[in-house]
Amino acid sequence: MIVKSTISPCWLASEQELTAAATRMADILSGAPSGTEIFFRADDIAVPGNNCQRMMEIHIARQIPLHMAVTPAWLTESRWAILKEWAGDSGMFIWHQHGWRHVNHQQSGKKGEFGTDRPKSAKKADLAKGMERLRTFMGDEFQPVFTPPWNRFDAATAEALQELGYRAVSRSTGEQKKVPLTDFLPDIPINVDLHTRSEADPAEGLNALIDEFAQAVKSGRVGVMLHHQRMNDAAFVFLDAVLVAAKGLALRSI
């Protein structure tokens, strides 16, 4: 299992810069038109750790649901028991599928576990294995929803998802035009990336993040992606501020 834990530079900004960014974010969300939806999704879930527990505790404290995208091959019975203990009876977590092993199979270009460089049969087999494994551990807690690693998949995967009975997917907003889906497989996309940011300058990263919030509000829905392995104290404080600001918006569930 390979998971990046690098902290993006924006979360290493000064306290003054972080406070100003949180204030701007809150102003944007509080000024959102009535009916604006907000959706929270955490990726690369399966291995319990301090950051994962802290992320879950914040969502429980603020009573904001979090969609947990679980990588099936990483999950074990003991790991699931810990995650379920942390979730308790809060009802704040929706568990769904995040790929199979989170492995890149593309020979060139952007990474993808379910891209064009594998036959449909291989991808469909991995989807089915992942669904079966999660259902074995989770039972009725498992939701037949699919989040692809790196937020993308090809048209053949879309066909396989529908054939296997998945109810919805969640990708990046831009993927909707690249691989359109039918009404039978709705997409609940993300358009705000809290933690896998690439801007080298902290101030630039915070400005870009706040701009994502602003553009998302203009679209009428805010889809927020979390990666707990890449969070530090500043990122947790900001997440808490986002959840407080989200209270006035319509929560979207799959």
Protein backbone atom coordinates (compact mmCIF):
# COMPACT_ATOMS: atom_id res chain seq x y z
CA MET A 1 0.00 0.00 0.00
CA ILE A 2 1.41 3.36 -1.07
CA VAL A 3 -0.22 6.51 0.28
CA LYS A 4 1.30 9.97 0.12
CA SER A 5 1.53 11.76 3.45
CA THR A 6 3.24 14.93 2.25
CA ILE A 7 1.73 18.09 3.72
CA SER A 8 0.86 20.62 1.04
CA PRO A 9 2.67 23.96 1.48
CA CYS A 10 -0.59 25.85 2.03
CA TRP A 11 -0.98 24.12 5.41
CA LEU A 12 2.47 25.38 6.40
CA ALA A 13 1.43 29.01 5.96
CA SER A 14 1.57 31.51 8.82
CA GLU A 15 -1.22 31.59 11.39
CA GLN A 16 -2.26 35.00 10.06
CA GLU A 17 -2.53 33.69 6.49
CA LEU A 18 -4.48 30.62 7.59
CA THR A 19 -6.90 32.66 9.69
CA ALA A 20 -7.51 35.07 6.81
CA ALA A 21 -8.15 32.16 4.44
CA ALA A 22 -10.61 30.56 6.85
CA THR A 23 -12.48 33.85 7.16
CA ARG A 24 -12.70 34.22 3.38
CA MET A 25 -13.91 30.65 3.03
CA ALA A 26 -16.60 31.16 5.69
CA ASP A 27 -17.77 34.37 4.00
CA ILE A 28 -18.09 32.55 0.68
CA LEU A 29 -20.09 29.66 2.13
CA SER A 30 -22.29 31.89 4.28
CA GLY A 31 -23.09 33.97 1.21
CA ALA A 32 -24.07 30.96 -0.90
CA PRO A 33 -27.56 31.11 -2.44
CA SER A 34 -30.33 29.11 -0.81
CA GLY A 35 -30.30 25.52 -2.01
CA THR A 36 -26.53 25.33 -2.56
CA GLU A 37 -25.47 21.74 -1.84
CA ILE A 38 -22.33 20.61 -0.04
CA PHE A 39 -20.82 17.13 -0.04
CA PHE A 40 -17.77 15.76 1.83
CA ARG A 41 -15.74 12.75 0.68
CA ALA A 42 -12.61 11.25 2.28
CA ASP A 43 -10.40 9.07 0.07
CA ASP A 44 -7.85 6.31 0.77
CA ILE A 45 -9.75 4.94 3.75
CA ALA A 46 -9.00 1.49 5.24
CA VAL A 47 -6.04 1.77 7.63
CA PRO A 48 -6.92 3.26 11.03
CA GLY A 49 -4.56 5.93 12.32
CA ASN A 50 -4.54 9.06 14.45
CA ASN A 51 -5.37 11.38 11.55
CA CYS A 52 -8.26 9.21 10.40
CA GLN A 53 -9.72 9.10 13.90
CA ARG A 54 -9.32 12.86 14.33
CA MET A 55 -11.04 13.51 10.99
CA MET A 56 -13.95 11.30 12.00
CA GLU A 57 -14.23 12.92 15.43
CA ILE A 58 -14.52 16.38 13.87
CA HIS A 59 -17.35 15.26 11.61
CA ILE A 60 -19.14 13.64 14.54
CA ALA A 61 -18.71 16.75 16.67
CA ARG A 62 -20.09 19.00 13.93
CA GLN A 63 -22.75 16.48 12.85
CA ILE A 64 -21.75 16.69 9.19
CA PRO A 65 -21.85 13.42 7.19
CA LEU A 66 -18.65 12.18 5.55
CA HIS A 67 -18.56 9.75 2.63
CA MET A 68 -15.73 7.30 3.27
CA ALA A 69 -14.12 5.97 0.08
CA VAL A 70 -12.58 2.66 1.18
CA THR A 71 -9.88 0.86 -0.81
CA PRO A 72 -11.03 -2.79 -0.62
CA ALA A 73 -7.67 -4.57 -0.84
CA TRP A 74 -6.38 -2.59 2.14
CA LEU A 75 -9.28 -3.41 4.44
CA THR A 76 -9.15 -6.28 6.92
CA GLU A 77 -11.64 -7.48 9.48
CA SER A 78 -9.64 -5.96 12.35
CA ARG A 79 -9.25 -2.62 10.57
CA TRP A 80 -12.97 -2.48 9.86
CA ALA A 81 -13.72 -3.21 13.51
CA ILE A 82 -11.65 -0.19 14.57
CA LEU A 83 -13.24 2.12 12.01
CA LYS A 84 -16.71 0.99 13.08
CA GLU A 85 -15.83 1.54 16.74
CA TRP A 86 -14.74 5.09 15.95
CA ALA A 87 -17.91 5.73 13.95
CA GLY A 88 -20.08 4.37 16.76
CA ASP A 89 -23.78 5.04 16.32
CA SER A 90 -23.19 8.57 15.02
CA GLY A 91 -24.73 7.90 11.61
CA MET A 92 -22.23 10.35 10.13
CA PHE A 93 -20.38 7.98 7.78
CA ILE A 94 -21.34 6.50 4.42
CA TRP A 95 -18.98 3.71 3.34
CA HIS A 96 -18.32 3.08 -0.34
CA GLN A 97 -15.68 1.72 -2.73
CA HIS A 98 -12.42 3.40 -3.76
CA GLY A 99 -10.96 1.31 -6.58
CA TRP A 100 -9.58 -2.13 -5.80
CA ARG A 101 -5.89 -1.81 -4.83
CA HIS A 102 -5.29 1.86 -5.73
CA VAL A 103 -2.61 0.84 -8.24
CA ASN A 104 -1.72 2.76 -11.41
CA HIS A 105 -2.08 0.64 -14.56
CA GLN A 106 -1.58 3.37 -17.14
CA GLN A 107 1.62 3.08 -19.18
CA SER A 108 1.77 6.79 -19.93
CA GLY A 109 -0.07 10.00 -19.18
CA LYS A 110 -2.17 10.55 -16.09
CA LYS A 111 -2.41 7.80 -13.51
CA GLY A 112 -5.43 5.54 -13.39
CA GLU A 113 -6.41 2.18 -11.95
CA PHE A 114 -9.38 1.92 -14.30
CA GLY A 115 -8.05 3.59 -17.43
CA THR A 116 -7.66 2.62 -21.08
CA ASP A 117 -4.55 0.44 -20.72
CA ARG A 118 -6.43 -2.61 -19.41
CA PRO A 119 -9.23 -4.67 -20.97
CA LYS A 120 -12.74 -4.20 -19.68
CA SER A 121 -12.81 -7.77 -18.37
CA ALA A 122 -9.88 -7.12 -16.02
CA LYS A 123 -11.39 -3.90 -14.73
CA LYS A 124 -14.80 -5.46 -14.23
CA ALA A 125 -13.21 -8.33 -12.30
CA ASP A 126 -11.46 -5.88 -9.97
CA LEU A 127 -14.67 -3.93 -9.43
CA ALA A 128 -16.53 -7.12 -8.54
CA LYS A 129 -13.76 -8.29 -6.17
CA GLY A 130 -13.79 -4.94 -4.42
CA MET A 131 -17.56 -4.92 -4.02
CA GLU A 132 -17.58 -8.48 -2.68
CA ARG A 133 -14.79 -7.80 -0.18
CA LEU A 134 -16.44 -4.67 1.21
CA ARG A 135 -19.82 -6.38 1.47
CA THR A 136 -18.19 -9.29 3.30
CA PHE A 137 -16.80 -6.97 5.98
CA MET A 138 -19.44 -4.24 6.02
CA GLY A 139 -22.67 -6.05 5.26
CA ASP A 140 -25.51 -3.56 4.90
CA GLU A 141 -23.18 -0.68 5.77
CA PHE A 142 -21.66 -0.88 2.28
CA GLN A 143 -23.12 1.47 -0.31
CA PRO A 144 -22.68 0.44 -4.00
CA VAL A 145 -21.03 3.71 -4.96
CA PHE A 146 -17.65 3.98 -6.70
CA THR A 147 -14.90 6.57 -6.34
CA PRO A 148 -12.01 5.85 -8.74
CA PRO A 149 -8.42 6.39 -7.60
CA TRP A 150 -7.12 9.61 -9.12
CA ASN A 151 -10.76 10.55 -9.75
CA ARG A 152 -10.95 9.16 -13.28
CA PHE A 153 -12.01 6.09 -15.24
CA ASP A 154 -12.70 5.26 -18.88
CA ALA A 155 -15.92 4.54 -20.78
CA ALA A 156 -15.49 0.76 -20.50
CA THR A 157 -15.35 1.07 -16.72
CA ALA A 158 -18.53 3.12 -16.77
CA GLU A 159 -20.24 0.26 -18.61
CA ALA A 160 -18.90 -2.28 -16.13
CA LEU A 161 -20.07 -0.23 -13.15
CA GLN A 162 -23.58 -0.10 -14.50
CA GLU A 163 -23.56 -3.82 -15.35
CA LEU A 164 -22.48 -4.68 -11.80
CA GLY A 165 -25.25 -2.65 -10.25
CA TYR A 166 -23.40 0.32 -8.79
CA ARG A 167 -25.81 3.08 -7.81
CA ALA A 168 -23.60 6.16 -8.29
CA VAL A 169 -20.04 7.38 -8.74
CA SER A 170 -18.02 10.31 -7.44
CA ARG A 171 -15.24 11.80 -9.57
CA SER A 172 -13.69 15.22 -10.24
CA THR A 173 -16.03 17.70 -11.89
CA GLY A 174 -13.96 17.83 -15.10
CA GLU A 175 -14.35 14.10 -15.68
CA GLN A 176 -18.04 14.49 -16.41
CA LYS A 177 -17.33 15.85 -19.88
CA LYS A 178 -14.57 13.33 -20.64
CA VAL A 179 -16.63 10.24 -19.81
CA PRO A 180 -20.35 11.12 -19.73
CA LEU A 181 -22.61 8.84 -17.73
CA THR A 182 -26.22 7.77 -18.12
CA ASP A 183 -29.02 8.70 -15.75
CA PHE A 184 -28.73 5.21 -14.30
CA LEU A 185 -25.28 6.05 -12.89
CA PRO A 186 -25.39 9.57 -11.41
CA ASP A 187 -22.17 11.40 -10.58
CA ILE A 188 -21.73 13.29 -7.30
CA PRO A 189 -18.43 15.04 -8.08
CA ILE A 190 -15.87 16.91 -6.00
CA ASN A 191 -14.68 20.37 -6.99
CA VAL A 192 -12.69 21.48 -3.92
CA ASP A 193 -9.44 19.68 -3.04
CA LEU A 194 -8.33 20.40 0.53
CA HIS A 195 -5.16 18.37 0.80
CA THR A 196 -3.55 17.18 -2.44
CA ARG A 197 -2.56 20.66 -3.49
CA SER A 198 0.52 21.22 -5.66
CA GLU A 199 1.15 24.96 -5.29
CA ALA A 200 4.67 25.49 -3.96
CA ASP A 201 3.97 28.84 -2.32
CA PRO A 202 1.69 28.68 0.78
CA ALA A 203 -0.11 31.94 -0.01
CA GLU A 204 -0.65 30.87 -3.62
CA GLY A 205 -2.05 27.53 -2.45
CA LEU A 206 -4.48 29.15 -0.02
CA ASN A 207 -5.65 31.63 -2.66
CA ALA A 208 -6.22 28.80 -5.14
CA LEU A 209 -8.15 26.82 -2.53
CA ILE A 210 -10.40 29.75 -1.68
CA ASP A 211 -10.99 30.34 -5.38
CA GLU A 212 -12.14 26.71 -5.67
CA PHE A 213 -14.69 27.36 -2.94
CA ALA A 214 -15.90 30.49 -4.74
CA GLN A 215 -16.23 28.74 -8.09
CA ALA A 216 -17.97 25.78 -6.46
CA VAL A 217 -20.56 28.04 -4.83
CA LYS A 218 -21.22 29.69 -8.18
CA SER A 219 -21.98 26.25 -9.63
CA GLY A 220 -24.60 25.59 -6.96
CA ARG A 221 -22.81 22.68 -5.29
CA VAL A 222 -19.64 22.26 -3.27
CA GLY A 223 -17.94 18.84 -3.32
CA VAL A 224 -15.04 18.70 -0.85
CA MET A 225 -12.33 16.01 -1.06
CA LEU A 226 -10.25 15.09 2.01
CA HIS A 227 -7.07 13.06 2.41
CA HIS A 228 -6.46 12.56 6.11
CA GLN A 229 -2.90 11.24 5.63
CA ARG A 230 -1.89 14.67 4.31
CA MET A 231 -3.37 16.73 7.14
CA ASN A 232 -1.54 18.57 9.92
CA ASP A 233 -2.93 20.63 12.81
CA ALA A 234 -3.57 23.62 10.55
CA ALA A 235 -5.49 21.48 8.06
CA PHE A 236 -7.67 20.06 10.84
CA VAL A 237 -8.44 23.53 12.17
CA PHE A 238 -9.42 24.65 8.67
CA LEU A 239 -11.59 21.56 8.13
CA ASP A 240 -13.43 22.32 11.35
CA ALA A 241 -14.04 25.87 10.10
CA VAL A 242 -15.40 24.48 6.82
CA LEU A 243 -17.82 22.21 8.68
CA VAL A 244 -19.05 25.08 10.83
CA ALA A 245 -19.61 27.21 7.71
CA ALA A 246 -21.34 24.29 5.95
CA LYS A 247 -24.17 24.23 8.48
CA GLY A 248 -26.14 26.70 6.43
CA LEU A 249 -25.96 24.65 3.23
CA ALA A 250 -27.97 21.69 1.97
CA LEU A 251 -26.05 18.49 2.73
CA ARG A 252 -25.83 16.11 -0.21
CA SER A 253 -25.78 12.35 0.32
CA ILE A 254 -25.40 9.53 -2.17
